[in-house]
């Protein structure tokens, strides 16, 4: 997680939860030897990184990768419809 300068780089996030969830989070934070805020920030940040990476990454099988690269290296001739489309302004 990127280091923050508390004097200048700080933003607040507030949330509400059930007493049961709060107690469990407090217990987990204590087991990790950190504060509730530190525990929640670290875990939320890691989950956000995973989600963004999954959203922004395309994974291809070997066959699909080879097909894609072959199409880039040897593109098909443009069709008449494509020529007309590209001629439009």
N, C-alpha and C. Protein backbone atom coordinates (compact mmCIF):
# COMPACT_ATOMS: atom_id res chain seq x y z
N UNK A 1 0.85 -1.17 0.00
CA UNK A 1 0.00 0.00 0.00
C UNK A 1 0.89 1.23 0.00
N UNK A 2 0.57 2.25 -0.79
CA UNK A 2 1.41 3.43 -0.82
C UNK A 2 1.44 4.13 0.53
N UNK A 3 2.61 4.64 0.87
CA UNK A 3 2.75 5.39 2.11
C UNK A 3 2.06 6.73 1.98
N UNK A 4 1.42 7.17 3.02
CA UNK A 4 0.72 8.45 3.01
C UNK A 4 1.39 9.38 4.01
N UNK A 5 1.42 10.64 3.70
CA UNK A 5 1.92 11.65 4.61
C UNK A 5 0.70 12.17 5.36
N UNK A 6 0.51 11.78 6.64
CA UNK A 6 -0.72 12.14 7.36
C UNK A 6 -1.00 13.64 7.40
N UNK A 7 0.02 14.45 7.32
CA UNK A 7 -0.20 15.89 7.40
C UNK A 7 -0.86 16.43 6.13
N UNK A 8 -0.58 15.81 4.98
CA UNK A 8 -1.10 16.35 3.73
C UNK A 8 -1.94 15.37 2.93
N UNK A 9 -1.70 14.08 3.04
CA UNK A 9 -2.38 13.08 2.22
C UNK A 9 -3.32 12.22 3.07
N UNK A 10 -4.44 12.78 3.42
CA UNK A 10 -5.35 12.06 4.29
C UNK A 10 -6.78 12.29 3.85
N UNK A 11 -7.56 11.22 3.83
CA UNK A 11 -8.98 11.31 3.50
C UNK A 11 -9.74 10.38 4.44
N UNK A 12 -10.94 10.74 4.76
CA UNK A 12 -11.72 9.98 5.72
C UNK A 12 -12.77 9.14 4.99
N UNK A 13 -12.97 7.92 5.49
CA UNK A 13 -14.05 7.05 5.04
C UNK A 13 -14.82 6.64 6.29
N UNK A 14 -16.12 6.87 6.29
CA UNK A 14 -16.97 6.47 7.41
C UNK A 14 -17.91 5.37 6.93
N UNK A 15 -18.22 4.45 7.82
CA UNK A 15 -19.20 3.42 7.48
C UNK A 15 -19.91 2.93 8.73
N UNK A 16 -21.06 2.35 8.49
CA UNK A 16 -21.84 1.76 9.58
C UNK A 16 -21.88 0.26 9.36
N UNK A 17 -21.94 -0.47 10.47
CA UNK A 17 -22.00 -1.93 10.38
C UNK A 17 -22.78 -2.47 11.57
N UNK A 18 -23.03 -3.74 11.55
CA UNK A 18 -23.73 -4.37 12.67
C UNK A 18 -22.76 -4.55 13.83
N UNK A 19 -23.30 -4.66 15.04
CA UNK A 19 -22.41 -4.90 16.19
C UNK A 19 -21.61 -6.21 16.03
N UNK A 20 -22.21 -7.21 15.42
CA UNK A 20 -21.51 -8.48 15.22
C UNK A 20 -20.32 -8.32 14.28
N UNK A 21 -20.54 -7.61 13.17
CA UNK A 21 -19.45 -7.39 12.22
C UNK A 21 -18.35 -6.56 12.86
N UNK A 22 -18.72 -5.54 13.62
CA UNK A 22 -17.73 -4.70 14.30
C UNK A 22 -16.90 -5.52 15.26
N UNK A 23 -17.54 -6.37 16.04
CA UNK A 23 -16.81 -7.21 17.01
C UNK A 23 -15.85 -8.15 16.29
N UNK A 24 -16.29 -8.73 15.19
CA UNK A 24 -15.42 -9.65 14.45
C UNK A 24 -14.23 -8.91 13.85
N UNK A 25 -14.47 -7.73 13.30
CA UNK A 25 -13.39 -6.93 12.73
C UNK A 25 -12.41 -6.51 13.82
N UNK A 26 -12.92 -6.11 14.97
CA UNK A 26 -12.04 -5.75 16.09
C UNK A 26 -11.19 -6.94 16.53
N UNK A 27 -11.79 -8.11 16.57
CA UNK A 27 -11.06 -9.32 16.95
C UNK A 27 -9.96 -9.63 15.93
N UNK A 28 -10.31 -9.54 14.65
CA UNK A 28 -9.33 -9.81 13.59
C UNK A 28 -8.19 -8.80 13.65
N UNK A 29 -8.51 -7.54 13.86
CA UNK A 29 -7.47 -6.51 13.95
C UNK A 29 -6.53 -6.80 15.12
N UNK A 30 -7.10 -7.20 16.24
CA UNK A 30 -6.28 -7.52 17.42
C UNK A 30 -5.37 -8.72 17.12
N UNK A 31 -5.90 -9.72 16.44
CA UNK A 31 -5.09 -10.88 16.09
C UNK A 31 -3.93 -10.50 15.16
N UNK A 32 -4.15 -9.52 14.32
CA UNK A 32 -3.10 -9.06 13.39
C UNK A 32 -2.18 -8.04 14.06
N UNK A 33 -2.53 -7.61 15.26
CA UNK A 33 -1.70 -6.64 15.97
C UNK A 33 -1.77 -5.24 15.38
N UNK A 34 -2.95 -4.89 14.88
CA UNK A 34 -3.12 -3.58 14.27
C UNK A 34 -4.41 -2.94 14.76
N UNK A 35 -4.64 -1.71 14.36
CA UNK A 35 -5.88 -1.03 14.73
C UNK A 35 -6.99 -1.48 13.80
N UNK A 36 -8.22 -1.20 14.19
CA UNK A 36 -9.36 -1.49 13.32
C UNK A 36 -9.21 -0.71 12.02
N UNK A 37 -8.86 0.56 12.12
CA UNK A 37 -8.68 1.37 10.91
C UNK A 37 -7.60 0.80 10.02
N UNK A 38 -6.48 0.42 10.61
CA UNK A 38 -5.38 -0.16 9.83
C UNK A 38 -5.79 -1.46 9.18
N UNK A 39 -6.49 -2.30 9.93
CA UNK A 39 -6.96 -3.59 9.41
C UNK A 39 -7.92 -3.39 8.24
N UNK A 40 -8.89 -2.50 8.44
CA UNK A 40 -9.89 -2.28 7.40
C UNK A 40 -9.27 -1.63 6.16
N UNK A 41 -8.39 -0.67 6.36
CA UNK A 41 -7.75 -0.01 5.24
C UNK A 41 -6.92 -0.99 4.42
N UNK A 42 -6.10 -1.78 5.08
CA UNK A 42 -5.25 -2.75 4.39
C UNK A 42 -6.09 -3.74 3.60
N UNK A 43 -7.11 -4.30 4.22
CA UNK A 43 -7.93 -5.31 3.54
C UNK A 43 -8.78 -4.72 2.44
N UNK A 44 -9.33 -3.54 2.64
CA UNK A 44 -10.13 -2.89 1.60
C UNK A 44 -9.23 -2.51 0.42
N UNK A 45 -8.04 -2.01 0.71
CA UNK A 45 -7.10 -1.63 -0.35
C UNK A 45 -6.70 -2.84 -1.18
N UNK A 46 -6.36 -3.95 -0.53
CA UNK A 46 -5.97 -5.16 -1.26
C UNK A 46 -7.13 -5.69 -2.10
N UNK A 47 -8.35 -5.68 -1.56
CA UNK A 47 -9.51 -6.13 -2.32
C UNK A 47 -9.76 -5.23 -3.51
N UNK A 48 -9.59 -3.93 -3.32
CA UNK A 48 -9.77 -2.98 -4.43
C UNK A 48 -8.73 -3.21 -5.51
N UNK A 49 -7.49 -3.45 -5.13
CA UNK A 49 -6.44 -3.73 -6.12
C UNK A 49 -6.78 -4.98 -6.93
N UNK A 50 -7.22 -6.05 -6.26
CA UNK A 50 -7.57 -7.28 -6.96
C UNK A 50 -8.71 -7.04 -7.94
N UNK A 51 -9.73 -6.33 -7.51
CA UNK A 51 -10.90 -6.08 -8.36
C UNK A 51 -10.52 -5.24 -9.58
N UNK A 52 -9.76 -4.19 -9.37
CA UNK A 52 -9.35 -3.33 -10.50
C UNK A 52 -8.47 -4.12 -11.46
N UNK A 53 -7.54 -4.91 -10.94
CA UNK A 53 -6.68 -5.72 -11.80
C UNK A 53 -7.50 -6.72 -12.61
N UNK A 54 -8.47 -7.38 -11.99
CA UNK A 54 -9.33 -8.32 -12.71
C UNK A 54 -10.11 -7.61 -13.81
N UNK A 55 -10.56 -6.40 -13.53
CA UNK A 55 -11.36 -5.65 -14.48
C UNK A 55 -10.52 -5.17 -15.66
N UNK A 56 -9.26 -4.86 -15.42
CA UNK A 56 -8.41 -4.27 -16.45
C UNK A 56 -7.52 -5.27 -17.17
N UNK A 57 -7.56 -6.54 -16.80
CA UNK A 57 -6.69 -7.54 -17.38
C UNK A 57 -7.50 -8.52 -18.22
N UNK A 58 -7.01 -8.78 -19.43
CA UNK A 58 -7.64 -9.78 -20.29
C UNK A 58 -6.74 -11.01 -20.28
N UNK A 59 -7.30 -12.15 -19.97
CA UNK A 59 -6.54 -13.39 -19.95
C UNK A 59 -7.01 -14.27 -21.10
N UNK A 60 -6.07 -14.68 -21.92
CA UNK A 60 -6.37 -15.52 -23.08
C UNK A 60 -5.75 -16.89 -22.90
N UNK A 61 -6.40 -17.89 -23.48
CA UNK A 61 -5.78 -19.21 -23.54
C UNK A 61 -4.62 -19.12 -24.53
N UNK A 62 -3.75 -20.11 -24.53
CA UNK A 62 -2.64 -20.12 -25.48
C UNK A 62 -3.16 -20.07 -26.92
N UNK A 63 -4.20 -20.82 -27.20
CA UNK A 63 -4.78 -20.86 -28.55
C UNK A 63 -5.32 -19.49 -28.94
N UNK A 64 -6.07 -18.85 -28.03
CA UNK A 64 -6.62 -17.53 -28.32
C UNK A 64 -5.53 -16.48 -28.48
N UNK A 65 -4.51 -16.57 -27.66
CA UNK A 65 -3.38 -15.64 -27.79
C UNK A 65 -2.71 -15.78 -29.14
N UNK A 66 -2.47 -17.03 -29.55
CA UNK A 66 -1.83 -17.27 -30.85
C UNK A 66 -2.69 -16.77 -31.99
N UNK A 67 -4.01 -16.97 -31.90
CA UNK A 67 -4.93 -16.49 -32.93
C UNK A 67 -4.91 -14.97 -33.00
N UNK A 68 -4.92 -14.33 -31.84
CA UNK A 68 -4.89 -12.87 -31.78
C UNK A 68 -3.60 -12.33 -32.39
N UNK A 69 -2.46 -12.89 -32.00
CA UNK A 69 -1.18 -12.42 -32.53
C UNK A 69 -1.07 -12.67 -34.03
N UNK A 70 -1.58 -13.79 -34.50
CA UNK A 70 -1.56 -14.08 -35.94
C UNK A 70 -2.39 -13.06 -36.70
N UNK A 71 -3.53 -12.67 -36.14
CA UNK A 71 -4.37 -11.67 -36.79
C UNK A 71 -3.67 -10.31 -36.83
N UNK A 72 -2.91 -9.98 -35.80
CA UNK A 72 -2.15 -8.73 -35.81
C UNK A 72 -1.03 -8.76 -36.85
N UNK A 73 -0.36 -9.90 -36.95
CA UNK A 73 0.76 -10.03 -37.88
C UNK A 73 0.30 -10.15 -39.33
N UNK A 74 -0.86 -10.76 -39.55
CA UNK A 74 -1.37 -10.99 -40.91
C UNK A 74 -2.83 -10.59 -40.97
N UNK A 75 -3.10 -9.29 -40.93
CA UNK A 75 -4.51 -8.87 -40.92
C UNK A 75 -5.19 -9.21 -42.24
N UNK A 76 -6.49 -9.52 -42.19
CA UNK A 76 -7.21 -9.81 -43.43
C UNK A 76 -7.37 -8.53 -44.26
N UNK A 77 -7.59 -8.70 -45.54
CA UNK A 77 -7.85 -7.56 -46.42
C UNK A 77 -9.15 -6.89 -45.97
N UNK A 78 -9.22 -5.57 -46.05
CA UNK A 78 -10.45 -4.90 -45.64
C UNK A 78 -11.60 -5.22 -46.59
N UNK A 79 -12.77 -5.36 -46.01
CA UNK A 79 -13.97 -5.61 -46.82
C UNK A 79 -14.45 -4.30 -47.41
N UNK A 80 -15.36 -4.41 -48.38
CA UNK A 80 -15.93 -3.21 -48.98
C UNK A 80 -16.65 -2.37 -47.93
N UNK A 81 -17.37 -3.02 -47.02
CA UNK A 81 -18.08 -2.29 -45.96
C UNK A 81 -17.10 -1.52 -45.09
N UNK A 82 -15.96 -2.10 -44.78
CA UNK A 82 -14.95 -1.43 -43.97
C UNK A 82 -14.35 -0.24 -44.75
N UNK A 83 -14.12 -0.43 -46.04
CA UNK A 83 -13.59 0.68 -46.85
C UNK A 83 -14.58 1.86 -46.85
N UNK A 84 -15.86 1.56 -47.01
CA UNK A 84 -16.87 2.62 -47.00
C UNK A 84 -16.90 3.33 -45.64
N UNK A 85 -16.84 2.55 -44.58
CA UNK A 85 -16.86 3.12 -43.24
C UNK A 85 -15.65 4.04 -43.02
N UNK A 86 -14.50 3.60 -43.42
CA UNK A 86 -13.28 4.39 -43.21
C UNK A 86 -13.25 5.63 -44.10
N UNK A 87 -14.00 5.61 -45.19
CA UNK A 87 -14.05 6.77 -46.09
C UNK A 87 -14.96 7.87 -45.56
N UNK A 88 -15.82 7.52 -44.61
CA UNK A 88 -16.73 8.52 -44.02
C UNK A 88 -15.95 9.53 -43.20
N UNK A 89 -16.46 10.73 -43.15
CA UNK A 89 -15.78 11.76 -42.35
C UNK A 89 -16.48 11.98 -41.08
